[in-house]
Amino acid sequence: MVSISNADATKANAQAPVPRGSNAAVAGAIAALGLLLWVASRFFAADLPVWAPWDFSVLWYLGFALTGWVYVRGLRITPQPGWRIGFFAMGMLLIWAVLQTRFEYVAQHMFFMNRIQHVVMHHLGPFLIAVAWPWPTLYRGLPSRLRALVDGRWFGAFMRFAQQPEIAAGLFVGLIALWLYPPVHFVAMIDPALYSVMNWSMVVDGILFWSVVLDPRPKALAHNSFAVRAVLGVGVMFPQIAIGALIAFADSDLYGFYAWCGRIYPSIDALSDQRIGGLIVWIPPAMMSVLSVILVLNAMRIVEEREGANAPGHGGTASGGWTGR
């Protein structure tokens, strides 16, 4: 999701090749597990626990399984601290939970649960993944042919475009507004293909955006200053507050799909459902924007301390004065 340094590329190219038999065994295990989940969700859905897939998606399964496999391959080359691995795993599992468990069924029958699903897909899950900063590890775990694709001109050009501050912020807020526009939301919820596009766009865009904001590297590598990253994080907060307020304070039912399909909690009427959903659009994302600024400032402190410690003749801590350390 980010540009890869020459050092990362050199380490990846110098890695010991993984035996073909090992790759074949992993591929076979992934295929077998996927087939088992498909059969179980297709023919024995009523007997499955709540954490099992409700509407099994081969694309989502392959996305998660292959990403996890590549990440483990990368860890063999460059081990990471436990907290990074933990944040990455939590982010992945949270996104899986709202997309491939019974939670998805509930999210299709209550507007406020649908908003929780989208906050996890677009905010919390990608946020945790970006904090873990798994991109060098994933790059090193890629097979050589895929690394060549990532190193290619077209992929690099796309990433440079998508991660420009104005593009990243515009896509982030624009997709929220698009999928919450009542006529579009209704069609997306009844059209399986558009529903899939909606979910994929939210996850991918969330990862792109938070990877720009939470990039821990100095400007020379991140291409954006820490000030720009902080402004991005807090800047997207205000449009989301406005969208959430418009929904929460609306006097009519804007999202008729949930009445049409039947609410799973009939004791919650349409306006109450909508008001709770509006607050979810409003409050949790705003809190995450504030948290992102704190993390950006901390990353800036770490970079300044590292650069100060490496400066000739430096004998102290660069930012100790303003951090209290």
C-alpha atoms as a PDB file:
ATOM      1  CA  MET A   1       0.000   0.000   0.000  1.00  0.00           C
ATOM      2  CA  VAL A   2       3.023   2.287   0.197  1.00  0.00           C
ATOM      3  CA  SER A   3       6.233   2.803  -1.692  1.00  0.00           C
ATOM      4  CA  ILE A   4       8.908   0.263  -0.848  1.00  0.00           C
ATOM      5  CA  SER A   5      12.430   1.403  -0.113  1.00  0.00           C
ATOM      6  CA  ASN A   6      15.467   0.037  -1.927  1.00  0.00           C
ATOM      7  CA  ALA A   7      16.568  -1.643   1.292  1.00  0.00           C
ATOM      8  CA  ASP A   8      13.276  -3.508   1.521  1.00  0.00           C
ATOM      9  CA  ALA A   9      13.547  -4.593  -2.092  1.00  0.00           C
ATOM     10  CA  THR A  10      17.110  -5.797  -1.583  1.00  0.00           C
ATOM     11  CA  LYS A  11      16.172  -7.847   1.480  1.00  0.00           C
ATOM     12  CA  ALA A  12      13.191  -9.345  -0.306  1.00  0.00           C
ATOM     13  CA  ASN A  13      15.216 -10.294  -3.352  1.00  0.00           C
ATOM     14  CA  ALA A  14      17.887 -11.852  -1.171  1.00  0.00           C
ATOM     15  CA  GLN A  15      15.477 -14.084   0.727  1.00  0.00           C
ATOM     16  CA  ALA A  16      15.908 -17.818   0.662  1.00  0.00           C
ATOM     17  CA  PRO A  17      13.422 -19.357  -1.769  1.00  0.00           C
ATOM     18  CA  VAL A  18      10.483 -21.136  -0.219  1.00  0.00           C
ATOM     19  CA  PRO A  19      10.345 -24.765  -1.355  1.00  0.00           C
ATOM     20  CA  ARG A  20       7.719 -25.371  -4.007  1.00  0.00           C
ATOM     21  CA  GLY A  21       6.353 -28.256  -2.008  1.00  0.00           C
ATOM     22  CA  SER A  22       5.683 -25.932   0.905  1.00  0.00           C
ATOM     23  CA  ASN A  23       3.837 -23.477  -1.332  1.00  0.00           C
ATOM     24  CA  ALA A  24       1.770 -26.292  -2.805  1.00  0.00           C
ATOM     25  CA  ALA A  25       0.890 -27.595   0.654  1.00  0.00           C
ATOM     26  CA  VAL A  26      -0.260 -24.156   1.828  1.00  0.00           C
ATOM     27  CA  ALA A  27      -2.261 -23.610  -1.353  1.00  0.00           C
ATOM     28  CA  GLY A  28      -3.889 -26.992  -0.896  1.00  0.00           C
ATOM     29  CA  ALA A  29      -4.758 -26.246   2.726  1.00  0.00           C
ATOM     30  CA  ILE A  30      -6.279 -22.875   1.775  1.00  0.00           C
ATOM     31  CA  ALA A  31      -8.325 -24.500  -0.988  1.00  0.00           C
ATOM     32  CA  ALA A  32      -9.493 -27.332   1.280  1.00  0.00           C
ATOM     33  CA  LEU A  33     -10.546 -24.970   4.068  1.00  0.00           C
ATOM     34  CA  GLY A  34     -12.343 -22.744   1.589  1.00  0.00           C
ATOM     35  CA  LEU A  35     -14.224 -25.704   0.149  1.00  0.00           C
ATOM     36  CA  LEU A  36     -15.180 -26.853   3.641  1.00  0.00           C
ATOM     37  CA  LEU A  37     -16.510 -23.403   4.564  1.00  0.00           C
ATOM     38  CA  TRP A  38     -18.452 -23.165   1.308  1.00  0.00           C
ATOM     39  CA  VAL A  39     -20.077 -26.571   1.788  1.00  0.00           C
ATOM     40  CA  ALA A  40     -20.899 -25.812   5.424  1.00  0.00           C
ATOM     41  CA  SER A  41     -22.463 -22.413   4.688  1.00  0.00           C
ATOM     42  CA  ARG A  42     -24.268 -23.721   1.602  1.00  0.00           C
ATOM     43  CA  PHE A  43     -25.823 -26.874   3.030  1.00  0.00           C
ATOM     44  CA  PHE A  44     -25.574 -26.635   6.835  1.00  0.00           C
ATOM     45  CA  ALA A  45     -25.986 -22.907   7.516  1.00  0.00           C
ATOM     46  CA  ALA A  46     -28.535 -23.400  10.311  1.00  0.00           C
ATOM     47  CA  ASP A  47     -26.148 -25.642  12.242  1.00  0.00           C
ATOM     48  CA  LEU A  48     -23.158 -23.299  12.129  1.00  0.00           C
ATOM     49  CA  PRO A  49     -22.095 -21.143  15.101  1.00  0.00           C
ATOM     50  CA  VAL A  50     -22.497 -17.364  14.955  1.00  0.00           C
ATOM     51  CA  TRP A  51     -18.820 -16.831  14.100  1.00  0.00           C
ATOM     52  CA  ALA A  52     -19.001 -19.036  11.006  1.00  0.00           C
ATOM     53  CA  PRO A  53     -19.677 -17.564   7.544  1.00  0.00           C
ATOM     54  CA  TRP A  54     -23.316 -16.732   6.948  1.00  0.00           C
ATOM     55  CA  ASP A  55     -22.986 -15.961   3.235  1.00  0.00           C
ATOM     56  CA  PHE A  56     -19.578 -17.347   2.328  1.00  0.00           C
ATOM     57  CA  SER A  57     -17.638 -15.247  -0.188  1.00  0.00           C
ATOM     58  CA  VAL A  58     -14.789 -16.904  -2.053  1.00  0.00           C
ATOM     59  CA  LEU A  59     -13.252 -13.510  -2.871  1.00  0.00           C
ATOM     60  CA  TRP A  60     -13.209 -12.331   0.735  1.00  0.00           C
ATOM     61  CA  TYR A  61     -11.901 -15.684   1.896  1.00  0.00           C
ATOM     62  CA  LEU A  62      -9.056 -15.687  -0.615  1.00  0.00           C
ATOM     63  CA  GLY A  63      -8.252 -12.078   0.197  1.00  0.00           C
ATOM     64  CA  PHE A  64      -7.869 -12.832   3.891  1.00  0.00           C
ATOM     65  CA  ALA A  65      -6.213 -16.238   3.519  1.00  0.00           C
ATOM     66  CA  LEU A  66      -3.648 -15.172   0.933  1.00  0.00           C
ATOM     67  CA  THR A  67      -2.836 -11.950   2.772  1.00  0.00           C
ATOM     68  CA  GLY A  68      -2.266 -13.910   5.959  1.00  0.00           C
ATOM     69  CA  TRP A  69      -0.061 -16.403   4.145  1.00  0.00           C
ATOM     70  CA  VAL A  70       2.052 -13.655   2.565  1.00  0.00           C
ATOM     71  CA  TYR A  71       2.376 -11.917   5.932  1.00  0.00           C
ATOM     72  CA  VAL A  72       3.634 -15.088   7.610  1.00  0.00           C
ATOM     73  CA  ARG A  73       6.148 -15.565   4.787  1.00  0.00           C
ATOM     74  CA  GLY A  74       7.360 -12.022   5.348  1.00  0.00           C
ATOM     75  CA  LEU A  75       7.717 -12.582   9.086  1.00  0.00           C
ATOM     76  CA  ARG A  76      10.121 -15.432   8.392  1.00  0.00           C
ATOM     77  CA  ILE A  77      12.440 -12.934   6.714  1.00  0.00           C
ATOM     78  CA  THR A  78      12.030  -9.965   9.046  1.00  0.00           C
ATOM     79  CA  PRO A  79      10.409 -10.793  12.398  1.00  0.00           C
ATOM     80  CA  GLN A  80       8.212  -8.023  13.800  1.00  0.00           C
ATOM     81  CA  PRO A  81       7.384  -7.001  17.382  1.00  0.00           C
ATOM     82  CA  GLY A  82       4.457  -8.812  18.894  1.00  0.00           C
ATOM     83  CA  TRP A  83       2.358  -5.656  19.118  1.00  0.00           C
ATOM     84  CA  ARG A  84       2.597  -5.092  15.359  1.00  0.00           C
ATOM     85  CA  ILE A  85       1.546  -8.661  14.638  1.00  0.00           C
ATOM     86  CA  GLY A  86      -1.280  -8.310  17.156  1.00  0.00           C
ATOM     87  CA  PHE A  87      -2.633  -5.091  15.654  1.00  0.00           C
ATOM     88  CA  PHE A  88      -2.475  -6.550  12.154  1.00  0.00           C
ATOM     89  CA  ALA A  89      -4.302  -9.698  13.240  1.00  0.00           C
ATOM     90  CA  MET A  90      -6.952  -7.711  15.130  1.00  0.00           C
ATOM     91  CA  GLY A  91      -7.610  -5.466  12.152  1.00  0.00           C
ATOM     92  CA  MET A  92      -7.970  -8.417   9.807  1.00  0.00           C
ATOM     93  CA  LEU A  93     -10.174 -10.382  12.202  1.00  0.00           C
ATOM     94  CA  LEU A  94     -12.484  -7.433  12.850  1.00  0.00           C
ATOM     95  CA  ILE A  95     -13.060  -6.892   9.139  1.00  0.00           C
ATOM     96  CA  TRP A  96     -13.660 -10.624   8.676  1.00  0.00           C
ATOM     97  CA  ALA A  97     -16.097 -10.641  11.597  1.00  0.00           C
ATOM     98  CA  VAL A  98     -18.372  -7.956  10.150  1.00  0.00           C
ATOM     99  CA  LEU A  99     -18.277  -9.406   6.632  1.00  0.00           C
ATOM    100  CA  GLN A 100     -18.199 -13.177   6.973  1.00  0.00           C
ATOM    101  CA  THR A 101     -20.087 -14.064  10.148  1.00  0.00           C
ATOM    102  CA  ARG A 102     -23.722 -13.822  11.247  1.00  0.00           C
ATOM    103  CA  PHE A 103     -23.034 -10.173  12.019  1.00  0.00           C
ATOM    104  CA  GLU A 104     -23.474  -9.468   8.310  1.00  0.00           C
ATOM    105  CA  TYR A 105     -27.031 -10.801   8.434  1.00  0.00           C
ATOM    106  CA  VAL A 106     -27.881  -8.451  11.298  1.00  0.00           C
ATOM    107  CA  ALA A 107     -26.193  -5.559   9.460  1.00  0.00           C
ATOM    108  CA  GLN A 108     -28.514  -6.170   6.518  1.00  0.00           C
ATOM    109  CA  HIS A 109     -31.594  -5.824   8.734  1.00  0.00           C
ATOM    110  CA  MET A 110     -30.767  -2.869  11.011  1.00  0.00           C
ATOM    111  CA  PHE A 111     -29.421   0.472   9.847  1.00  0.00           C
ATOM    112  CA  PHE A 112     -27.401   1.137  13.001  1.00  0.00           C
ATOM    113  CA  MET A 113     -25.759  -2.292  12.768  1.00  0.00           C
ATOM    114  CA  ASN A 114     -24.952  -1.555   9.140  1.00  0.00           C
ATOM    115  CA  ARG A 115     -23.223   1.617  10.321  1.00  0.00           C
ATOM    116  CA  ILE A 116     -21.207  -0.363  12.864  1.00  0.00           C
ATOM    117  CA  GLN A 117     -20.201  -2.696  10.043  1.00  0.00           C
ATOM    118  CA  HIS A 118     -19.004   0.212   7.923  1.00  0.00           C
ATOM    119  CA  VAL A 119     -17.137   1.863  10.791  1.00  0.00           C
ATOM    120  CA  VAL A 120     -15.231  -1.386  11.276  1.00  0.00           C
ATOM    121  CA  MET A 121     -14.622  -1.863   7.529  1.00  0.00           C
ATOM    122  CA  HIS A 122     -13.622   1.714   6.777  1.00  0.00           C
ATOM    123  CA  HIS A 123     -12.192   2.938  10.068  1.00  0.00           C
ATOM    124  CA  LEU A 124     -11.333   0.575  12.902  1.00  0.00           C
ATOM    125  CA  GLY A 125     -10.049  -2.441  10.970  1.00  0.00           C
ATOM    126  CA  PRO A 126      -7.948  -0.469   8.454  1.00  0.00           C
ATOM    127  CA  PHE A 127      -6.780   1.838  11.269  1.00  0.00           C
ATOM    128  CA  LEU A 128      -5.374  -1.105  13.236  1.00  0.00           C
ATOM    129  CA  ILE A 129      -3.770  -2.546  10.107  1.00  0.00           C
ATOM    130  CA  ALA A 130      -2.123   0.791   9.310  1.00  0.00           C
ATOM    131  CA  VAL A 131      -0.844   1.143  12.887  1.00  0.00           C
ATOM    132  CA  ALA A 132       0.774  -2.287  12.497  1.00  0.00           C
ATOM    133  CA  TRP A 133       2.498  -1.002   9.328  1.00  0.00           C
ATOM    134  CA  PRO A 134       2.632  -4.428   7.646  1.00  0.00           C
ATOM    135  CA  TRP A 135       3.590  -3.258   4.155  1.00  0.00           C
ATOM    136  CA  PRO A 136       7.335  -4.029   4.216  1.00  0.00           C
ATOM    137  CA  THR A 137       6.551  -7.431   5.721  1.00  0.00           C
ATOM    138  CA  LEU A 138       3.894  -8.169   3.107  1.00  0.00           C
ATOM    139  CA  TYR A 139       6.227  -7.022   0.346  1.00  0.00           C
ATOM    140  CA  ARG A 140       8.982  -9.350   1.498  1.00  0.00           C
ATOM    141  CA  GLY A 141       6.537 -12.228   1.712  1.00  0.00           C
ATOM    142  CA  LEU A 142       5.279 -11.843  -1.847  1.00  0.00           C
ATOM    143  CA  PRO A 143       6.360 -14.346  -4.488  1.00  0.00           C
ATOM    144  CA  SER A 144       8.969 -12.839  -6.797  1.00  0.00           C
ATOM    145  CA  ARG A 145       6.546 -12.343  -9.693  1.00  0.00           C
ATOM    146  CA  LEU A 146       4.132 -10.368  -7.556  1.00  0.00           C
ATOM    147  CA  ARG A 147       6.986  -8.292  -6.142  1.00  0.00           C
ATOM    148  CA  ALA A 148       7.925  -7.418  -9.697  1.00  0.00           C
ATOM    149  CA  LEU A 149       4.340  -6.270 -10.259  1.00  0.00           C
ATOM    150  CA  VAL A 150       4.435  -4.098  -7.127  1.00  0.00           C
ATOM    151  CA  ASP A 151       7.743  -2.629  -8.283  1.00  0.00           C
ATOM    152  CA  GLY A 152       6.269  -1.887 -11.700  1.00  0.00           C
ATOM    153  CA  ARG A 153       5.543   1.561 -13.063  1.00  0.00           C
ATOM    154  CA  TRP A 154       1.760   1.219 -13.208  1.00  0.00           C
ATOM    155  CA  PHE A 155       1.313   0.108  -9.616  1.00  0.00           C
ATOM    156  CA  GLY A 156       3.611   2.855  -8.391  1.00  0.00           C
ATOM    157  CA  ALA A 157       1.754   5.481 -10.418  1.00  0.00           C
ATOM    158  CA  PHE A 158      -1.595   4.331  -9.025  1.00  0.00           C
ATOM    159  CA  MET A 159      -0.333   4.443  -5.446  1.00  0.00           C
ATOM    160  CA  ARG A 160       1.158   7.909  -5.884  1.00  0.00           C
ATOM    161  CA  PHE A 161      -2.165   9.132  -7.259  1.00  0.00           C
ATOM    162  CA  ALA A 162      -4.387   7.452  -4.655  1.00  0.00           C
ATOM    163  CA  GLN A 163      -2.254   8.635  -1.748  1.00  0.00           C
ATOM    164  CA  GLN A 164      -2.104  12.302  -2.662  1.00  0.00           C
ATOM    165  CA  PRO A 165      -3.617  14.104   0.354  1.00  0.00           C
ATOM    166  CA  GLU A 166      -6.504  15.707  -1.525  1.00  0.00           C
ATOM    167  CA  ILE A 167      -7.316  12.491  -3.392  1.00  0.00           C
ATOM    168  CA  ALA A 168      -7.093  10.352  -0.255  1.00  0.00           C
ATOM    169  CA  ALA A 169      -9.361  12.685   1.734  1.00  0.00           C
ATOM    170  CA  GLY A 170     -11.804  13.144  -1.139  1.00  0.00           C
ATOM    171  CA  LEU A 171     -12.179   9.410  -1.681  1.00  0.00           C
ATOM    172  CA  PHE A 172     -12.489   8.734   2.035  1.00  0.00           C
ATOM    173  CA  VAL A 173     -15.306  11.204   2.643  1.00  0.00           C
ATOM    174  CA  GLY A 174     -16.816  10.822  -0.817  1.00  0.00           C
ATOM    175  CA  LEU A 175     -17.357   7.084  -0.482  1.00  0.00           C
ATOM    176  CA  ILE A 176     -19.032   7.543   2.898  1.00  0.00           C
ATOM    177  CA  ALA A 177     -21.386  10.122   1.403  1.00  0.00           C
ATOM    178  CA  LEU A 178     -22.009   8.058  -1.729  1.00  0.00           C
ATOM    179  CA  TRP A 179     -23.050   4.866   0.035  1.00  0.00           C
ATOM    180  CA  LEU A 180     -25.158   6.807   2.549  1.00  0.00           C
ATOM    181  CA  TYR A 181     -27.063   8.709  -0.142  1.00  0.00           C
ATOM    182  CA  PRO A 182     -30.500   7.099   0.367  1.00  0.00           C
ATOM    183  CA  PRO A 183     -31.288   6.116  -3.264  1.00  0.00           C
ATOM    184  CA  VAL A 184     -27.789   4.659  -3.741  1.00  0.00           C
ATOM    185  CA  HIS A 185     -27.899   2.914  -0.370  1.00  0.00           C
ATOM    186  CA  PHE A 186     -31.213   1.252  -1.214  1.00  0.00           C
ATOM    187  CA  VAL A 187     -29.947  -0.101  -4.537  1.00  0.00           C
ATOM    188  CA  ALA A 188     -26.658  -1.251  -2.995  1.00  0.00           C
ATOM    189  CA  MET A 189     -28.505  -3.224  -0.334  1.00  0.00           C
ATOM    190  CA  ILE A 190     -30.747  -5.079  -2.803  1.00  0.00           C
ATOM    191  CA  ASP A 191     -28.184  -5.635  -5.579  1.00  0.00           C
ATOM    192  CA  PRO A 192     -25.631  -8.327  -4.596  1.00  0.00           C
ATOM    193  CA  ALA A 193     -23.037  -7.101  -7.097  1.00  0.00           C
ATOM    194  CA  LEU A 194     -23.268  -3.473  -5.986  1.00  0.00           C
ATOM    195  CA  TYR A 195     -23.325  -4.576  -2.348  1.00  0.00           C
ATOM    196  CA  SER A 196     -20.015  -6.337  -2.912  1.00  0.00           C
ATOM    197  CA  VAL A 197     -18.571  -3.271  -4.648  1.00  0.00           C
ATOM    198  CA  MET A 198     -19.655  -1.121  -1.707  1.00  0.00           C
ATOM    199  CA  ASN A 199     -17.965  -3.344   0.851  1.00  0.00           C
ATOM    200  CA  TRP A 200     -14.758  -3.796  -1.136  1.00  0.00           C
ATOM    201  CA  SER A 201     -14.508  -0.063  -1.794  1.00  0.00           C
ATOM    202  CA  MET A 202     -14.877   0.734   1.898  1.00  0.00           C
ATOM    203  CA  VAL A 203     -12.208  -1.721   3.027  1.00  0.00           C
ATOM    204  CA  VAL A 204      -9.677  -0.855   0.319  1.00  0.00           C
ATOM    205  CA  ASP A 205     -10.189   2.886   0.667  1.00  0.00           C
ATOM    206  CA  GLY A 206      -9.961   2.708   4.450  1.00  0.00           C
ATOM    207  CA  ILE A 207      -6.623   0.906   4.216  1.00  0.00           C
ATOM    208  CA  LEU A 208      -5.330   3.397   1.645  1.00  0.00           C
ATOM    209  CA  PHE A 209      -6.375   6.426   3.680  1.00  0.00           C
ATOM    210  CA  TRP A 210      -5.145   5.340   7.090  1.00  0.00           C
ATOM    211  CA  SER A 211      -1.870   4.157   5.566  1.00  0.00           C
ATOM    212  CA  VAL A 212      -1.295   7.727   4.402  1.00  0.00           C
ATOM    213  CA  VAL A 213      -2.241   9.301   7.732  1.00  0.00           C
ATOM    214  CA  LEU A 214      -0.460   6.810  10.001  1.00  0.00           C
ATOM    215  CA  ASP A 215       2.696   6.417   7.931  1.00  0.00           C
ATOM    216  CA  PRO A 216       5.427   6.429  10.618  1.00  0.00           C
ATOM    217  CA  ARG A 217       8.250   7.275   8.227  1.00  0.00           C
ATOM    218  CA  PRO A 218       9.903  10.667   7.667  1.00  0.00           C
ATOM    219  CA  LYS A 219       8.715  12.927   4.863  1.00  0.00           C
ATOM    220  CA  ALA A 220      11.440  11.774   2.475  1.00  0.00           C
ATOM    221  CA  LEU A 221       9.893   8.284   2.426  1.00  0.00           C
ATOM    222  CA  ALA A 222       6.250   9.071   3.176  1.00  0.00           C
ATOM    223  CA  HIS A 223       6.052  11.962   0.648  1.00  0.00           C
ATOM    224  CA  ASN A 224       3.812  13.894   3.063  1.00  0.00           C
ATOM    225  CA  SER A 225       4.908  15.916   6.063  1.00  0.00           C
ATOM    226  CA  PHE A 226       3.655  15.041   9.513  1.00  0.00           C
ATOM    227  CA  ALA A 227       1.631  18.261   9.481  1.00  0.00           C
ATOM    228  CA  VAL A 228      -0.169  17.173   6.308  1.00  0.00           C
ATOM    229  CA  ARG A 229      -0.869  13.761   7.823  1.00  0.00           C
ATOM    230  CA  ALA A 230      -2.306  15.335  10.977  1.00  0.00           C
ATOM    231  CA  VAL A 231      -4.485  17.713   8.958  1.00  0.00           C
ATOM    232  CA  LEU A 232      -5.744  14.786   6.879  1.00  0.00           C
ATOM    233  CA  GLY A 233      -6.681  12.811   9.965  1.00  0.00           C
ATOM    234  CA  VAL A 234      -8.631  15.617  11.585  1.00  0.00           C
ATOM    235  CA  GLY A 235      -9.913  17.149   8.347  1.00  0.00           C
ATOM    236  CA  VAL A 236     -12.118  14.195   7.428  1.00  0.00           C
ATOM    237  CA  MET A 237     -13.770  14.420  10.839  1.00  0.00           C
ATOM    238  CA  PHE A 238     -15.943  17.450  10.079  1.00  0.00           C
ATOM    239  CA  PRO A 239     -17.741  16.148   6.966  1.00  0.00           C
ATOM    240  CA  GLN A 240     -18.499  12.921   8.829  1.00  0.00           C
ATOM    241  CA  ILE A 241     -19.926  14.887  11.753  1.00  0.00           C
ATOM    242  CA  ALA A 242     -22.134  16.790   9.322  1.00  0.00           C
ATOM    243  CA  ILE A 243     -23.328  13.611   7.596  1.00  0.00           C
ATOM    244  CA  GLY A 244     -24.010  11.918  10.918  1.00  0.00           C
ATOM    245  CA  ALA A 245     -25.929  14.937  12.213  1.00  0.00           C
ATOM    246  CA  LEU A 246     -28.086  15.112   9.081  1.00  0.00           C
ATOM    247  CA  ILE A 247     -29.038  11.468   9.541  1.00  0.00           C
ATOM    248  CA  ALA A 248     -29.514  11.618  13.310  1.00  0.00           C
ATOM    249  CA  PHE A 249     -31.745  14.698  13.227  1.00  0.00           C
ATOM    250  CA  ALA A 250     -33.821  13.748  10.180  1.00  0.00           C
ATOM    251  CA  ASP A 251     -37.570  13.730  10.829  1.00  0.00           C
ATOM    252  CA  SER A 252     -38.399  11.040   8.275  1.00  0.00           C
ATOM    253  CA  ASP A 253     -37.196   7.543   7.492  1.00  0.00           C
ATOM    254  CA  LEU A 254     -34.405   8.024   4.946  1.00  0.00           C
ATOM    255  CA  TYR A 255     -33.500   4.368   4.577  1.00  0.00           C
ATOM    256  CA  GLY A 256     -36.631   2.480   3.641  1.00  0.00           C
ATOM    257  CA  PHE A 257     -34.745  -0.694   2.792  1.00  0.00           C
ATOM    258  CA  TYR A 258     -34.716  -1.818   6.430  1.00  0.00           C
ATOM    259  CA  ALA A 259     -38.488  -1.477   6.777  1.00  0.00           C
ATOM    260  CA  TRP A 260     -38.905  -3.218   3.434  1.00  0.00           C
ATOM    261  CA  CYS A 261     -36.748  -6.225   4.394  1.00  0.00           C
ATOM    262  CA  GLY A 262     -37.887  -6.299   8.032  1.00  0.00           C
ATOM    263  CA  ARG A 263     -35.929  -5.135  11.048  1.00  0.00           C
ATOM    264  CA  ILE A 264     -34.424  -7.900  13.130  1.00  0.00           C
ATOM    265  CA  TYR A 265     -35.174  -5.916  16.311  1.00  0.00           C
ATOM    266  CA  PRO A 266     -38.817  -4.823  15.854  1.00  0.00           C
ATOM    267  CA  SER A 267     -38.801  -2.966  19.180  1.00  0.00           C
ATOM    268  CA  ILE A 268     -36.499  -0.371  17.565  1.00  0.00           C
ATOM    269  CA  ASP A 269     -38.572   1.763  15.222  1.00  0.00           C
ATOM    270  CA  ALA A 270     -37.289   3.303  12.002  1.00  0.00           C
ATOM    271  CA  LEU A 271     -36.426   6.744  13.377  1.00  0.00           C
ATOM    272  CA  SER A 272     -34.708   5.341  16.466  1.00  0.00           C
ATOM    273  CA  ASP A 273     -32.695   2.986  14.282  1.00  0.00           C
ATOM    274  CA  GLN A 274     -31.750   5.891  12.039  1.00  0.00           C
ATOM    275  CA  ARG A 275     -30.813   8.191  14.919  1.00  0.00           C
ATOM    276  CA  ILE A 276     -28.555   5.590  16.486  1.00  0.00           C
ATOM    277  CA  GLY A 277     -26.987   5.021  13.081  1.00  0.00           C
ATOM    278  CA  GLY A 278     -26.410   8.748  12.635  1.00  0.00           C
ATOM    279  CA  LEU A 279     -24.643   8.935  15.989  1.00  0.00           C
ATOM    280  CA  ILE A 280     -22.429   6.020  14.945  1.00  0.00           C
ATOM    281  CA  VAL A 281     -21.492   7.896  11.758  1.00  0.00           C
ATOM    282  CA  TRP A 282     -20.825  10.972  13.884  1.00  0.00           C
ATOM    283  CA  ILE A 283     -19.029   9.982  17.095  1.00  0.00           C
ATOM    284  CA  PRO A 284     -16.703   6.939  16.674  1.00  0.00           C
ATOM    285  CA  PRO A 285     -15.063   8.253  13.461  1.00  0.00           C
ATOM    286  CA  ALA A 286     -14.491  11.636  15.126  1.00  0.00           C
ATOM    287  CA  MET A 287     -12.793   9.928  18.057  1.00  0.00           C
ATOM    288  CA  MET A 288     -10.576   7.976  15.678  1.00  0.00           C
ATOM    289  CA  SER A 289      -9.587  11.181  13.888  1.00  0.00           C
ATOM    290  CA  VAL A 290      -8.434  12.660  17.192  1.00  0.00           C
ATOM    291  CA  LEU A 291      -6.525   9.469  17.980  1.00  0.00           C
ATOM    292  CA  SER A 292      -4.866   9.582  14.565  1.00  0.00           C
ATOM    293  CA  VAL A 293      -3.485  13.061  15.294  1.00  0.00           C
ATOM    294  CA  ILE A 294      -2.007  11.800  18.567  1.00  0.00           C
ATOM    295  CA  LEU A 295      -0.341   8.914  16.745  1.00  0.00           C
ATOM    296  CA  VAL A 296       0.993  11.225  14.028  1.00  0.00           C
ATOM    297  CA  LEU A 297       2.529  13.497  16.665  1.00  0.00           C
ATOM    298  CA  ASN A 298       4.083  10.488  18.369  1.00  0.00           C
ATOM    299  CA  ALA A 299       5.534   9.271  15.062  1.00  0.00           C
ATOM    300  CA  MET A 300       6.988  12.743  14.477  1.00  0.00           C
ATOM    301  CA  ARG A 301       8.564  12.682  17.938  1.00  0.00           C
ATOM    302  CA  ILE A 302      10.154   9.297  17.266  1.00  0.00           C
ATOM    303  CA  VAL A 303      11.557  10.430  13.913  1.00  0.00           C
ATOM    304  CA  GLU A 304      12.951  13.635  15.434  1.00  0.00           C
ATOM    305  CA  GLU A 305      14.585  11.723  18.269  1.00  0.00           C
ATOM    306  CA  ARG A 306      16.096   9.226  15.861  1.00  0.00           C
ATOM    307  CA  GLU A 307      17.407  11.939  13.551  1.00  0.00           C
ATOM    308  CA  GLY A 308      18.690  13.946  16.501  1.00  0.00           C
ATOM    309  CA  ALA A 309      20.486  10.950  17.959  1.00  0.00           C
ATOM    310  CA  ASN A 310      22.198  10.351  14.615  1.00  0.00           C
ATOM    311  CA  ALA A 311      23.252  13.979  14.206  1.00  0.00           C
ATOM    312  CA  PRO A 312      27.031  14.629  14.600  1.00  0.00           C
ATOM    313  CA  GLY A 313      27.934  15.864  18.065  1.00  0.00           C
ATOM    314  CA  HIS A 314      24.453  15.314  19.464  1.00  0.00           C
ATOM    315  CA  GLY A 315      24.393  14.139  23.037  1.00  0.00           C
ATOM    316  CA  GLY A 316      20.761  14.422  24.086  1.00  0.00           C
ATOM    317  CA  THR A 317      17.207  13.669  23.066  1.00  0.00           C
ATOM    318  CA  ALA A 318      15.892  15.833  20.249  1.00  0.00           C
ATOM    319  CA  SER A 319      12.318  16.255  21.393  1.00  0.00           C
ATOM    320  CA  GLY A 320      12.691  15.670  25.101  1.00  0.00           C
ATOM    321  CA  GLY A 321      11.908  19.296  25.862  1.00  0.00           C
ATOM    322  CA  TRP A 322       8.400  19.287  24.449  1.00  0.00           C
ATOM    323  CA  THR A 323       7.442  15.699  25.231  1.00  0.00           C
ATOM    324  CA  GLY A 324       8.437  15.881  28.867  1.00  0.00           C
ATOM    325  CA  ARG A 325      10.871  13.009  28.483  1.00  0.00           C
END
